Amino acid sequence: MFARLSLAALLVAGAVASSNTAASANDTAAGALIGGATGAIIGGAVTGRAGGAVAGAVIGGVTGAAIGNQSDRRRGRNSYYYWSGGRCMYHYPNGRVVRVDRGNCY
């Protein structure tokens, strides 16, 4: 069971690592996949049961998605540029949000 789970986790990690991060700017899905795979491995190893692996996958997936979602908003000098739904957006100081060229978000 653990060997199959480890193999599945390695396949998921390889698929996520080989994806082009410039083309897929949304880190939420990648965070959910990595977190879910890691949580399943840890949950299965700690409990030794399939239920522990499932619980670990769910908890890890939710946590990874939350962390990935937070990393979508780029901090720094371009603090008002961010990714939303695969599109680059600009948030004006007055609250207005407009879609802008993808080159502004990185």
PDB file of N, CA and C in Angstrom:
ATOM      1  N   MET A   1       0.827  -1.189   0.000  1.00  0.00           N
ATOM      2  CA  MET A   1       0.000   0.000   0.000  1.00  0.00           C
ATOM      3  C   MET A   1       0.872   1.254   0.000  1.00  0.00           C
ATOM      4  N   PHE A   2       1.860   1.277   0.891  1.00  0.00           N
ATOM      5  CA  PHE A   2       2.721   2.452   0.986  1.00  0.00           C
ATOM      6  C   PHE A   2       3.545   2.639  -0.284  1.00  0.00           C
ATOM      7  N   ALA A   3       3.970   1.529  -0.894  1.00  0.00           N
ATOM      8  CA  ALA A   3       4.760   1.627  -2.123  1.00  0.00           C
ATOM      9  C   ALA A   3       3.923   2.208  -3.256  1.00  0.00           C
ATOM     10  N   ARG A   4       2.669   1.796  -3.357  1.00  0.00           N
ATOM     11  CA  ARG A   4       1.789   2.340  -4.401  1.00  0.00           C
ATOM     12  C   ARG A   4       1.508   3.816  -4.161  1.00  0.00           C
ATOM     13  N   LEU A   5       1.286   4.160  -2.906  1.00  0.00           N
ATOM     14  CA  LEU A   5       1.020   5.550  -2.571  1.00  0.00           C
ATOM     15  C   LEU A   5       2.240   6.419  -2.852  1.00  0.00           C
ATOM     16  N   SER A   6       3.407   5.909  -2.544  1.00  0.00           N
ATOM     17  CA  SER A   6       4.638   6.650  -2.817  1.00  0.00           C
ATOM     18  C   SER A   6       4.849   6.828  -4.313  1.00  0.00           C
ATOM     19  N   LEU A   7       4.558   5.790  -5.082  1.00  0.00           N
ATOM     20  CA  LEU A   7       4.690   5.880  -6.530  1.00  0.00           C
ATOM     21  C   LEU A   7       3.722   6.909  -7.095  1.00  0.00           C
ATOM     22  N   ALA A   8       2.488   6.893  -6.609  1.00  0.00           N
ATOM     23  CA  ALA A   8       1.504   7.875  -7.071  1.00  0.00           C
ATOM     24  C   ALA A   8       1.936   9.291  -6.712  1.00  0.00           C
ATOM     25  N   ALA A   9       2.473   9.463  -5.522  1.00  0.00           N
ATOM     26  CA  ALA A   9       2.935  10.789  -5.107  1.00  0.00           C
ATOM     27  C   ALA A   9       4.097  11.264  -5.974  1.00  0.00           C
ATOM     28  N   LEU A  10       5.006  10.369  -6.315  1.00  0.00           N
ATOM     29  CA  LEU A  10       6.122  10.745  -7.180  1.00  0.00           C
ATOM     30  C   LEU A  10       5.647  11.113  -8.578  1.00  0.00           C
ATOM     31  N   LEU A  11       4.659  10.403  -9.087  1.00  0.00           N
ATOM     32  CA  LEU A  11       4.113  10.733 -10.403  1.00  0.00           C
ATOM     33  C   LEU A  11       3.445  12.099 -10.393  1.00  0.00           C
ATOM     34  N   VAL A  12       2.671  12.387  -9.352  1.00  0.00           N
ATOM     35  CA  VAL A  12       2.019  13.692  -9.245  1.00  0.00           C
ATOM     36  C   VAL A  12       3.059  14.793  -9.106  1.00  0.00           C
ATOM     37  N   ALA A  13       4.061  14.571  -8.271  1.00  0.00           N
ATOM     38  CA  ALA A  13       5.111  15.572  -8.087  1.00  0.00           C
ATOM     39  C   ALA A  13       5.869  15.816  -9.391  1.00  0.00           C
ATOM     40  N   GLY A  14       6.132  14.767 -10.140  1.00  0.00           N
ATOM     41  CA  GLY A  14       6.804  14.929 -11.430  1.00  0.00           C
ATOM     42  C   GLY A  14       5.966  15.692 -12.431  1.00  0.00           C
ATOM     43  N   ALA A  15       4.667  15.428 -12.438  1.00  0.00           N
ATOM     44  CA  ALA A  15       3.776  16.139 -13.355  1.00  0.00           C
ATOM     45  C   ALA A  15       3.697  17.614 -13.002  1.00  0.00           C
ATOM     46  N   VAL A  16       3.624  17.910 -11.721  1.00  0.00           N
ATOM     47  CA  VAL A  16       3.552  19.301 -11.292  1.00  0.00           C
ATOM     48  C   VAL A  16       4.875  20.010 -11.545  1.00  0.00           C
ATOM     49  N   ALA A  17       5.977  19.355 -11.272  1.00  0.00           N
ATOM     50  CA  ALA A  17       7.287  19.978 -11.445  1.00  0.00           C
ATOM     51  C   ALA A  17       7.609  20.226 -12.911  1.00  0.00           C
ATOM     52  N   SER A  18       7.081  19.408 -13.801  1.00  0.00           N
ATOM     53  CA  SER A  18       7.392  19.577 -15.215  1.00  0.00           C
ATOM     54  C   SER A  18       6.501  20.598 -15.897  1.00  0.00           C
ATOM     55  N   SER A  19       5.464  21.068 -15.226  1.00  0.00           N
ATOM     56  CA  SER A  19       4.584  22.050 -15.847  1.00  0.00           C
ATOM     57  C   SER A  19       5.294  23.393 -15.932  1.00  0.00           C
ATOM     58  N   ASN A  20       4.928  24.174 -16.920  1.00  0.00           N
ATOM     59  CA  ASN A  20       5.541  25.472 -17.141  1.00  0.00           C
ATOM     60  C   ASN A  20       4.884  26.494 -16.224  1.00  0.00           C
ATOM     61  N   THR A  21       5.624  27.041 -15.284  1.00  0.00           N
ATOM     62  CA  THR A  21       5.031  27.973 -14.328  1.00  0.00           C
ATOM     63  C   THR A  21       4.722  29.320 -14.956  1.00  0.00           C
ATOM     64  N   ALA A  22       5.406  29.706 -16.027  1.00  0.00           N
ATOM     65  CA  ALA A  22       5.089  30.974 -16.666  1.00  0.00           C
ATOM     66  C   ALA A  22       3.742  30.903 -17.366  1.00  0.00           C
ATOM     67  N   ALA A  23       3.431  29.757 -17.947  1.00  0.00           N
ATOM     68  CA  ALA A  23       2.150  29.614 -18.628  1.00  0.00           C
ATOM     69  C   ALA A  23       1.011  29.424 -17.644  1.00  0.00           C
ATOM     70  N   SER A  24       1.260  28.745 -16.557  1.00  0.00           N
ATOM     71  CA  SER A  24       0.209  28.539 -15.564  1.00  0.00           C
ATOM     72  C   SER A  24       0.526  29.364 -14.332  1.00  0.00           C
ATOM     73  N   ALA A  25       0.033  30.581 -14.331  1.00  0.00           N
ATOM     74  CA  ALA A  25       0.369  31.498 -13.255  1.00  0.00           C
ATOM     75  C   ALA A  25      -0.427  31.223 -11.996  1.00  0.00           C
ATOM     76  N   ASN A  26      -1.446  30.400 -12.077  1.00  0.00           N
ATOM     77  CA  ASN A  26      -2.270  30.113 -10.916  1.00  0.00           C
ATOM     78  C   ASN A  26      -1.617  29.007 -10.095  1.00  0.00           C
ATOM     79  N   ASP A  27      -1.119  29.358  -8.936  1.00  0.00           N
ATOM     80  CA  ASP A  27      -0.421  28.406  -8.081  1.00  0.00           C
ATOM     81  C   ASP A  27      -1.358  27.648  -7.150  1.00  0.00           C
ATOM     82  N   THR A  28      -2.647  27.961  -7.183  1.00  0.00           N
ATOM     83  CA  THR A  28      -3.588  27.308  -6.281  1.00  0.00           C
ATOM     84  C   THR A  28      -3.692  25.816  -6.579  1.00  0.00           C
ATOM     85  N   ALA A  29      -3.832  25.462  -7.846  1.00  0.00           N
ATOM     86  CA  ALA A  29      -3.962  24.046  -8.215  1.00  0.00           C
ATOM     87  C   ALA A  29      -2.677  23.282  -7.923  1.00  0.00           C
ATOM     88  N   ALA A  30      -1.548  23.881  -8.220  1.00  0.00           N
ATOM     89  CA  ALA A  30      -0.276  23.214  -7.937  1.00  0.00           C
ATOM     90  C   ALA A  30      -0.086  23.022  -6.439  1.00  0.00           C
ATOM     91  N   GLY A  31      -0.460  24.019  -5.662  1.00  0.00           N
ATOM     92  CA  GLY A  31      -0.364  23.895  -4.207  1.00  0.00           C
ATOM     93  C   GLY A  31      -1.263  22.802  -3.668  1.00  0.00           C
ATOM     94  N   ALA A  32      -2.471  22.692  -4.249  1.00  0.00           N
ATOM     95  CA  ALA A  32      -3.399  21.645  -3.807  1.00  0.00           C
ATOM     96  C   ALA A  32      -2.864  20.257  -4.151  1.00  0.00           C
ATOM     97  N   LEU A  33      -2.287  20.093  -5.336  1.00  0.00           N
ATOM     98  CA  LEU A  33      -1.740  18.791  -5.724  1.00  0.00           C
ATOM     99  C   LEU A  33      -0.551  18.390  -4.856  1.00  0.00           C
ATOM    100  N   ILE A  34       0.360  19.307  -4.673  1.00  0.00           N
ATOM    101  CA  ILE A  34       1.541  18.996  -3.868  1.00  0.00           C
ATOM    102  C   ILE A  34       1.151  18.760  -2.415  1.00  0.00           C
ATOM    103  N   GLY A  35       0.281  19.609  -1.884  1.00  0.00           N
ATOM    104  CA  GLY A  35      -0.163  19.444  -0.501  1.00  0.00           C
ATOM    105  C   GLY A  35      -0.937  18.159  -0.292  1.00  0.00           C
ATOM    106  N   GLY A  36      -1.794  17.811  -1.253  1.00  0.00           N
ATOM    107  CA  GLY A  36      -2.561  16.572  -1.143  1.00  0.00           C
ATOM    108  C   GLY A  36      -1.686  15.339  -1.192  1.00  0.00           C
ATOM    109  N   ALA A  37      -0.716  15.340  -2.093  1.00  0.00           N
ATOM    110  CA  ALA A  37       0.191  14.187  -2.189  1.00  0.00           C
ATOM    111  C   ALA A  37       1.042  14.052  -0.934  1.00  0.00           C
ATOM    112  N   THR A  38       1.551  15.171  -0.457  1.00  0.00           N
ATOM    113  CA  THR A  38       2.364  15.136   0.760  1.00  0.00           C
ATOM    114  C   THR A  38       1.534  14.713   1.962  1.00  0.00           C
ATOM    115  N   GLY A  39       0.320  15.254   2.060  1.00  0.00           N
ATOM    116  CA  GLY A  39      -0.560  14.887   3.166  1.00  0.00           C
ATOM    117  C   GLY A  39      -0.943  13.423   3.142  1.00  0.00           C
ATOM    118  N   ALA A  40      -1.152  12.874   1.949  1.00  0.00           N
ATOM    119  CA  ALA A  40      -1.493  11.451   1.840  1.00  0.00           C
ATOM    120  C   ALA A  40      -0.331  10.574   2.286  1.00  0.00           C
ATOM    121  N   ILE A  41       0.866  10.947   1.908  1.00  0.00           N
ATOM    122  CA  ILE A  41       2.043  10.167   2.319  1.00  0.00           C
ATOM    123  C   ILE A  41       2.217  10.219   3.833  1.00  0.00           C
ATOM    124  N   ILE A  42       2.130  11.411   4.392  1.00  0.00           N
ATOM    125  CA  ILE A  42       2.311  11.545   5.842  1.00  0.00           C
ATOM    126  C   ILE A  42       1.173  10.867   6.592  1.00  0.00           C
ATOM    127  N   GLY A  43      -0.068  11.076   6.146  1.00  0.00           N
ATOM    128  CA  GLY A  43      -1.210  10.452   6.819  1.00  0.00           C
ATOM    129  C   GLY A  43      -1.166   8.945   6.763  1.00  0.00           C
ATOM    130  N   GLY A  44      -0.766   8.393   5.624  1.00  0.00           N
ATOM    131  CA  GLY A  44      -0.644   6.943   5.501  1.00  0.00           C
ATOM    132  C   GLY A  44       0.491   6.388   6.331  1.00  0.00           C
ATOM    133  N   ALA A  45       1.593   7.127   6.403  1.00  0.00           N
ATOM    134  CA  ALA A  45       2.743   6.657   7.179  1.00  0.00           C
ATOM    135  C   ALA A  45       2.477   6.713   8.678  1.00  0.00           C
ATOM    136  N   VAL A  46       1.779   7.742   9.122  1.00  0.00           N
ATOM    137  CA  VAL A  46       1.528   7.900  10.556  1.00  0.00           C
ATOM    138  C   VAL A  46       0.504   6.892  11.056  1.00  0.00           C
ATOM    139  N   THR A  47      -0.611   6.739  10.313  1.00  0.00           N
ATOM    140  CA  THR A  47      -1.680   5.858  10.790  1.00  0.00           C
ATOM    141  C   THR A  47      -1.543   4.433  10.297  1.00  0.00           C
ATOM    142  N   GLY A  48      -0.955   4.236   9.135  1.00  0.00           N
ATOM    143  CA  GLY A  48      -0.857   2.894   8.567  1.00  0.00           C
ATOM    144  C   GLY A  48      -2.157   2.408   7.969  1.00  0.00           C
ATOM    145  N   ARG A  49      -3.119   3.301   7.785  1.00  0.00           N
ATOM    146  CA  ARG A  49      -4.428   2.925   7.238  1.00  0.00           C
ATOM    147  C   ARG A  49      -4.782   3.829   6.062  1.00  0.00           C
ATOM    148  N   ALA A  50      -5.704   3.337   5.255  1.00  0.00           N
ATOM    149  CA  ALA A  50      -6.142   4.120   4.100  1.00  0.00           C
ATOM    150  C   ALA A  50      -6.896   5.368   4.543  1.00  0.00           C
ATOM    151  N   GLY A  51      -7.640   5.265   5.629  1.00  0.00           N
ATOM    152  CA  GLY A  51      -8.373   6.425   6.134  1.00  0.00           C
ATOM    153  C   GLY A  51      -7.452   7.565   6.527  1.00  0.00           C
ATOM    154  N   GLY A  52      -6.312   7.231   7.090  1.00  0.00           N
ATOM    155  CA  GLY A  52      -5.331   8.254   7.445  1.00  0.00           C
ATOM    156  C   GLY A  52      -4.745   8.923   6.216  1.00  0.00           C
ATOM    157  N   ALA A  53      -4.537   8.127   5.169  1.00  0.00           N
ATOM    158  CA  ALA A  53      -4.019   8.692   3.922  1.00  0.00           C
ATOM    159  C   ALA A  53      -5.040   9.626   3.286  1.00  0.00           C
ATOM    160  N   VAL A  54      -6.313   9.231   3.331  1.00  0.00           N
ATOM    161  CA  VAL A  54      -7.368  10.077   2.761  1.00  0.00           C
ATOM    162  C   VAL A  54      -7.486  11.376   3.554  1.00  0.00           C
ATOM    163  N   ALA A  55      -7.506  11.266   4.880  1.00  0.00           N
ATOM    164  CA  ALA A  55      -7.595  12.468   5.712  1.00  0.00           C
ATOM    165  C   ALA A  55      -6.388  13.376   5.491  1.00  0.00           C
ATOM    166  N   GLY A  56      -5.206  12.794   5.395  1.00  0.00           N
ATOM    167  CA  GLY A  56      -4.006  13.584   5.137  1.00  0.00           C
ATOM    168  C   GLY A  56      -4.049  14.264   3.784  1.00  0.00           C
ATOM    169  N   ALA A  57      -4.592  13.560   2.782  1.00  0.00           N
ATOM    170  CA  ALA A  57      -4.700  14.150   1.445  1.00  0.00           C
ATOM    171  C   ALA A  57      -5.651  15.334   1.445  1.00  0.00           C
ATOM    172  N   VAL A  58      -6.771  15.195   2.141  1.00  0.00           N
ATOM    173  CA  VAL A  58      -7.744  16.290   2.188  1.00  0.00           C
ATOM    174  C   VAL A  58      -7.164  17.492   2.928  1.00  0.00           C
ATOM    175  N   ILE A  59      -6.598  17.251   4.097  1.00  0.00           N
ATOM    176  CA  ILE A  59      -6.030  18.349   4.882  1.00  0.00           C
ATOM    177  C   ILE A  59      -4.856  18.992   4.140  1.00  0.00           C
ATOM    178  N   GLY A  60      -3.987  18.176   3.568  1.00  0.00           N
ATOM    179  CA  GLY A  60      -2.850  18.707   2.821  1.00  0.00           C
ATOM    180  C   GLY A  60      -3.272  19.452   1.569  1.00  0.00           C
ATOM    181  N   GLY A  61      -4.304  18.948   0.888  1.00  0.00           N
ATOM    182  CA  GLY A  61      -4.790  19.621  -0.315  1.00  0.00           C
ATOM    183  C   GLY A  61      -5.370  20.988  -0.019  1.00  0.00           C
ATOM    184  N   VAL A  62      -6.165  21.071   1.034  1.00  0.00           N
ATOM    185  CA  VAL A  62      -6.757  22.358   1.415  1.00  0.00           C
ATOM    186  C   VAL A  62      -5.671  23.339   1.850  1.00  0.00           C
ATOM    187  N   THR A  63      -4.734  22.858   2.645  1.00  0.00           N
ATOM    188  CA  THR A  63      -3.644  23.725   3.100  1.00  0.00           C
ATOM    189  C   THR A  63      -2.777  24.180   1.927  1.00  0.00           C
ATOM    190  N   GLY A  64      -2.450  23.261   1.024  1.00  0.00           N
ATOM    191  CA  GLY A  64      -1.651  23.618  -0.146  1.00  0.00           C
ATOM    192  C   GLY A  64      -2.354  24.605  -1.056  1.00  0.00           C
ATOM    193  N   ALA A  65      -3.676  24.444  -1.219  1.00  0.00           N
ATOM    194  CA  ALA A  65      -4.439  25.383  -2.041  1.00  0.00           C
ATOM    195  C   ALA A  65      -4.445  26.774  -1.418  1.00  0.00           C
ATOM    196  N   ALA A  66      -4.577  26.832  -0.102  1.00  0.00           N
ATOM    197  CA  ALA A  66      -4.569  28.131   0.572  1.00  0.00           C
ATOM    198  C   ALA A  66      -3.215  28.822   0.426  1.00  0.00           C
ATOM    199  N   ILE A  67      -2.145  28.065   0.581  1.00  0.00           N
ATOM    200  CA  ILE A  67      -0.808  28.649   0.440  1.00  0.00           C
ATOM    201  C   ILE A  67      -0.559  29.062  -1.013  1.00  0.00           C
ATOM    202  N   GLY A  68      -0.966  28.218  -1.962  1.00  0.00           N
ATOM    203  CA  GLY A  68      -0.799  28.561  -3.371  1.00  0.00           C
ATOM    204  C   GLY A  68      -1.601  29.779  -3.773  1.00  0.00           C
ATOM    205  N   ASN A  69      -2.799  29.913  -3.216  1.00  0.00           N
ATOM    206  CA  ASN A  69      -3.637  31.067  -3.517  1.00  0.00           C
ATOM    207  C   ASN A  69      -2.986  32.352  -3.020  1.00  0.00           C
ATOM    208  N   GLN A  70      -2.366  32.304  -1.861  1.00  0.00           N
ATOM    209  CA  GLN A  70      -1.704  33.488  -1.327  1.00  0.00           C
ATOM    210  C   GLN A  70      -0.471  33.858  -2.142  1.00  0.00           C
ATOM    211  N   SER A  71       0.189  32.883  -2.733  1.00  0.00           N
ATOM    212  CA  SER A  71       1.380  33.192  -3.520  1.00  0.00           C
ATOM    213  C   SER A  71       1.026  33.724  -4.898  1.00  0.00           C
ATOM    214  N   ASP A  72      -0.275  33.662  -5.291  1.00  0.00           N
ATOM    215  CA  ASP A  72      -0.685  34.237  -6.565  1.00  0.00           C
ATOM    216  C   ASP A  72      -0.525  35.754  -6.572  1.00  0.00           C
ATOM    217  N   ARG A  73      -0.755  36.368  -5.441  1.00  0.00           N
ATOM    218  CA  ARG A  73      -0.586  37.821  -5.348  1.00  0.00           C
ATOM    219  C   ARG A  73       0.889  38.120  -5.132  1.00  0.00           C
ATOM    220  N   ARG A  74       1.481  38.757  -6.080  1.00  0.00           N
ATOM    221  CA  ARG A  74       2.907  39.059  -6.001  1.00  0.00           C
ATOM    222  C   ARG A  74       3.120  40.280  -5.116  1.00  0.00           C
ATOM    223  N   ARG A  75       4.056  40.184  -4.203  1.00  0.00           N
ATOM    224  CA  ARG A  75       4.371  41.291  -3.309  1.00  0.00           C
ATOM    225  C   ARG A  75       5.589  42.036  -3.851  1.00  0.00           C
ATOM    226  N   GLY A  76       5.781  43.241  -3.402  1.00  0.00           N
ATOM    227  CA  GLY A  76       6.957  43.992  -3.804  1.00  0.00           C
ATOM    228  C   GLY A  76       6.590  45.295  -4.467  1.00  0.00           C
ATOM    229  N   ARG A  77       7.424  45.713  -5.423  1.00  0.00           N
ATOM    230  CA  ARG A  77       7.229  47.029  -6.018  1.00  0.00           C
ATOM    231  C   ARG A  77       5.975  47.094  -6.875  1.00  0.00           C
ATOM    232  N   ASN A  78       5.515  45.996  -7.440  1.00  0.00           N
ATOM    233  CA  ASN A  78       4.276  45.959  -8.216  1.00  0.00           C
ATOM    234  C   ASN A  78       3.155  45.385  -7.363  1.00  0.00           C
ATOM    235  N   SER A  79       2.933  45.970  -6.214  1.00  0.00           N
ATOM    236  CA  SER A  79       2.012  45.373  -5.253  1.00  0.00           C
ATOM    237  C   SER A  79       0.567  45.403  -5.716  1.00  0.00           C
ATOM    238  N   TYR A  80       0.241  46.211  -6.701  1.00  0.00           N
ATOM    239  CA  TYR A  80      -1.144  46.263  -7.148  1.00  0.00           C
ATOM    240  C   TYR A  80      -1.405  45.405  -8.379  1.00  0.00           C
ATOM    241  N   TYR A  81      -0.388  44.746  -8.928  1.00  0.00           N
ATOM    242  CA  TYR A  81      -0.574  43.792 -10.013  1.00  0.00           C
ATOM    243  C   TYR A  81      -0.717  42.403  -9.418  1.00  0.00           C
ATOM    244  N   TYR A  82      -1.695  41.622  -9.900  1.00  0.00           N
ATOM    245  CA  TYR A  82      -1.879  40.270  -9.380  1.00  0.00           C
ATOM    246  C   TYR A  82      -2.586  39.410 -10.421  1.00  0.00           C
ATOM    247  N   TRP A  83      -2.493  38.095 -10.224  1.00  0.00           N
ATOM    248  CA  TRP A  83      -3.149  37.125 -11.090  1.00  0.00           C
ATOM    249  C   TRP A  83      -4.517  36.788 -10.517  1.00  0.00           C
ATOM    250  N   SER A  84      -5.511  36.708 -11.381  1.00  0.00           N
ATOM    251  CA  SER A  84      -6.852  36.297 -10.972  1.00  0.00           C
ATOM    252  C   SER A  84      -7.487  35.548 -12.130  1.00  0.00           C
ATOM    253  N   GLY A  85      -7.773  34.284 -11.926  1.00  0.00           N
ATOM    254  CA  GLY A  85      -8.399  33.481 -12.972  1.00  0.00           C
ATOM    255  C   GLY A  85      -7.562  33.358 -14.225  1.00  0.00           C
ATOM    256  N   GLY A  86      -6.239  33.346 -14.086  1.00  0.00           N
ATOM    257  CA  GLY A  86      -5.365  33.220 -15.239  1.00  0.00           C
ATOM    258  C   GLY A  86      -5.162  34.516 -16.001  1.00  0.00           C
ATOM    259  N   ARG A  87      -5.630  35.625 -15.435  1.00  0.00           N
ATOM    260  CA  ARG A  87      -5.486  36.926 -16.086  1.00  0.00           C
ATOM    261  C   ARG A  87      -4.726  37.872 -15.167  1.00  0.00           C
ATOM    262  N   CYS A  88      -3.975  38.774 -15.772  1.00  0.00           N
ATOM    263  CA  CYS A  88      -3.243  39.771 -15.006  1.00  0.00           C
ATOM    264  C   CYS A  88      -4.164  40.957 -14.749  1.00  0.00           C
ATOM    265  N   MET A  89      -4.278  41.349 -13.495  1.00  0.00           N
ATOM    266  CA  MET A  89      -5.176  42.431 -13.107  1.00  0.00           C
ATOM    267  C   MET A  89      -4.373  43.529 -12.419  1.00  0.00           C
ATOM    268  N   TYR A  90      -4.896  44.767 -12.510  1.00  0.00           N
ATOM    269  CA  TYR A  90      -4.296  45.893 -11.799  1.00  0.00           C
ATOM    270  C   TYR A  90      -5.342  46.485 -10.876  1.00  0.00           C
ATOM    271  N   HIS A  91      -4.973  46.639  -9.618  1.00  0.00           N
ATOM    272  CA  HIS A  91      -5.863  47.202  -8.611  1.00  0.00           C
ATOM    273  C   HIS A  91      -5.421  48.635  -8.331  1.00  0.00           C
ATOM    274  N   TYR A  92      -6.241  49.595  -8.778  1.00  0.00           N
ATOM    275  CA  TYR A  92      -5.924  50.999  -8.540  1.00  0.00           C
ATOM    276  C   TYR A  92      -6.090  51.331  -7.060  1.00  0.00           C
ATOM    277  N   PRO A  93      -5.390  52.346  -6.575  1.00  0.00           N
ATOM    278  CA  PRO A  93      -5.542  52.735  -5.167  1.00  0.00           C
ATOM    279  C   PRO A  93      -6.969  53.134  -4.794  1.00  0.00           C
ATOM    280  N   ASN A  94      -7.762  53.590  -5.781  1.00  0.00           N
ATOM    281  CA  ASN A  94      -9.139  53.980  -5.476  1.00  0.00           C
ATOM    282  C   ASN A  94     -10.095  52.786  -5.437  1.00  0.00           C
ATOM    283  N   GLY A  95      -9.585  51.575  -5.692  1.00  0.00           N
ATOM    284  CA  GLY A  95     -10.409  50.373  -5.610  1.00  0.00           C
ATOM    285  C   GLY A  95     -10.810  49.789  -6.950  1.00  0.00           C
ATOM    286  N   ARG A  96     -10.628  50.516  -8.028  1.00  0.00           N
ATOM    287  CA  ARG A  96     -10.993  50.026  -9.353  1.00  0.00           C
ATOM    288  C   ARG A  96     -10.020  48.928  -9.779  1.00  0.00           C
ATOM    289  N   VAL A  97     -10.544  47.866 -10.407  1.00  0.00           N
ATOM    290  CA  VAL A  97      -9.728  46.745 -10.873  1.00  0.00           C
ATOM    291  C   VAL A  97      -9.930  46.595 -12.373  1.00  0.00           C
ATOM    292  N   VAL A  98      -8.829  46.545 -13.128  1.00  0.00           N
ATOM    293  CA  VAL A  98      -8.900  46.389 -14.576  1.00  0.00           C
ATOM    294  C   VAL A  98      -7.949  45.287 -15.014  1.00  0.00           C
ATOM    295  N   ARG A  99      -8.266  44.696 -16.154  1.00  0.00           N
ATOM    296  CA  ARG A  99      -7.402  43.675 -16.748  1.00  0.00           C
ATOM    297  C   ARG A  99      -6.305  44.375 -17.537  1.00  0.00           C
ATOM    298  N   VAL A 100      -5.059  43.907 -17.378  1.00  0.00           N
ATOM    299  CA  VAL A 100      -3.921  44.518 -18.057  1.00  0.00           C
ATOM    300  C   VAL A 100      -3.109  43.440 -18.770  1.00  0.00           C
ATOM    301  N   ASP A 101      -2.071  43.867 -19.477  1.00  0.00           N
ATOM    302  CA  ASP A 101      -1.207  42.956 -20.215  1.00  0.00           C
ATOM    303  C   ASP A 101      -0.512  41.978 -19.270  1.00  0.00           C
ATOM    304  N   ARG A 102      -0.356  40.730 -19.717  1.00  0.00           N
ATOM    305  CA  ARG A 102       0.266  39.687 -18.892  1.00  0.00           C
ATOM    306  C   ARG A 102       1.705  40.005 -18.513  1.00  0.00           C
ATOM    307  N   GLY A 103       2.376  40.830 -19.291  1.00  0.00           N
ATOM    308  CA  GLY A 103       3.762  41.171 -19.003  1.00  0.00           C
ATOM    309  C   GLY A 103       3.943  41.949 -17.707  1.00  0.00           C
ATOM    310  N   ASN A 104       2.872  42.544 -17.208  1.00  0.00           N
ATOM    311  CA  ASN A 104       2.957  43.297 -15.957  1.00  0.00           C
ATOM    312  C   ASN A 104       2.995  42.391 -14.741  1.00  0.00           C
ATOM    313  N   CYS A 105       2.460  41.192 -14.859  1.00  0.00           N
ATOM    314  CA  CYS A 105       2.452  40.243 -13.738  1.00  0.00           C
ATOM    315  C   CYS A 105       3.579  39.238 -13.939  1.00  0.00           C
ATOM    316  N   TYR A 106       4.282  38.940 -12.910  1.00  0.00           N
ATOM    317  CA  TYR A 106       5.356  37.945 -12.981  1.00  0.00           C
ATOM    318  C   TYR A 106       5.452  37.193 -11.706  1.00  0.00           C
TER     319      TYR A 106
END
